[in-house]
Amino acid sequence: MLDIALAARVSPETLRKIETGRVATPAFPTIAAIADVLGLSLDAVWAEISQSERATAPTGSGHRADVSFPRGVAAAG
């Protein structure tokens, strides 16, 4: 994780907070830099976020669906 943070020019603590969801809305340049270091297109990141939001939308039972992200891709919010 340290290598990724340094390559993306963000602090390791910032990356850790993004990965654990403690930063609800990370800045776009931060996400773009991390995605670039991970070799992900912004389209791929957006698709993961959009899929996550659909999968975690409340159901009739009031429960949220479990979602798994590829290694190195953090859940938003």
Protein backbone atom coordinates (compact mmCIF):
# COMPACT_ATOMS: atom_id res chain seq x y z
CA MET A 1 0.00 0.00 0.00
CA LEU A 2 2.89 2.38 0.74
CA ASP A 3 4.20 2.00 -2.83
CA ILE A 4 0.78 2.76 -4.29
CA ALA A 5 0.28 5.82 -2.08
CA LEU A 6 3.71 7.21 -2.88
CA ALA A 7 3.34 6.59 -6.61
CA ALA A 8 -0.06 8.32 -6.56
CA ARG A 9 1.40 11.18 -4.51
CA VAL A 10 -1.08 10.74 -1.66
CA SER A 11 -0.29 9.99 1.94
CA PRO A 12 -0.55 6.37 3.06
CA GLU A 13 -3.09 7.51 5.68
CA THR A 14 -5.27 9.09 2.99
CA LEU A 15 -5.18 5.89 0.96
CA ARG A 16 -6.01 3.85 4.06
CA LYS A 17 -8.98 6.13 4.83
CA ILE A 18 -10.27 5.82 1.27
CA GLU A 19 -9.93 2.02 1.35
CA THR A 20 -11.81 1.76 4.65
CA GLY A 21 -14.54 4.22 3.69
CA ARG A 22 -13.55 6.85 6.24
CA VAL A 23 -13.35 9.42 3.42
CA ALA A 24 -16.89 9.59 2.08
CA THR A 25 -16.08 11.62 -1.03
CA PRO A 26 -12.41 11.58 -1.98
CA ALA A 27 -11.28 14.30 -4.37
CA PHE A 28 -11.44 13.41 -8.05
CA PRO A 29 -7.71 14.04 -8.66
CA THR A 30 -6.89 11.67 -5.80
CA ILE A 31 -9.06 8.89 -7.23
CA ALA A 32 -7.67 9.52 -10.72
CA ALA A 33 -4.08 9.28 -9.44
CA ILE A 34 -4.76 6.06 -7.51
CA ALA A 35 -6.59 4.51 -10.47
CA ASP A 36 -3.68 5.39 -12.75
CA VAL A 37 -1.15 3.74 -10.42
CA LEU A 38 -3.34 0.63 -10.19
CA GLY A 39 -3.71 0.50 -13.97
CA LEU A 40 -7.46 1.08 -13.80
CA SER A 41 -9.38 3.32 -16.15
CA LEU A 42 -11.72 5.84 -14.58
CA ASP A 43 -14.49 4.08 -16.50
CA ALA A 44 -13.67 0.85 -14.65
CA VAL A 45 -13.68 2.65 -11.30
CA TRP A 46 -17.01 4.29 -12.10
CA ALA A 47 -18.49 0.95 -13.16
CA GLU A 48 -17.45 -0.59 -9.82
CA ILE A 49 -18.95 2.29 -7.85
CA SER A 50 -22.17 2.22 -9.86
CA GLN A 51 -22.46 -1.55 -9.49
CA SER A 52 -21.82 -1.22 -5.76
CA GLU A 53 -24.51 1.42 -5.35
CA ARG A 54 -27.05 -0.75 -7.17
CA ALA A 55 -26.06 -3.86 -5.22
CA THR A 56 -26.21 -2.12 -1.84
CA ALA A 57 -29.49 -0.32 -2.42
CA PRO A 58 -31.97 -1.23 0.30
CA THR A 59 -34.17 -4.18 -0.57
CA GLY A 60 -37.70 -4.80 0.59
CA SER A 61 -36.29 -6.58 3.65
CA GLY A 62 -34.18 -3.57 4.64
CA HIS A 63 -30.93 -5.53 4.21
CA ARG A 64 -28.02 -4.57 2.00
CA ALA A 65 -26.41 -6.97 -0.46
CA ASP A 66 -22.77 -7.94 0.07
CA VAL A 67 -20.36 -6.67 -2.58
CA SER A 68 -16.77 -7.76 -3.17
CA PHE A 69 -14.28 -5.43 -4.82
CA PRO A 70 -11.17 -6.48 -6.73
CA ARG A 71 -8.00 -6.23 -4.67
CA GLY A 72 -6.87 -2.62 -4.47
CA VAL A 73 -10.30 -1.13 -5.26
CA ALA A 74 -11.96 0.46 -2.28
CA ALA A 75 -15.66 0.77 -1.65
CA ALA A 76 -16.98 4.30 -1.63
CA GLY A 77 -18.82 5.72 1.34
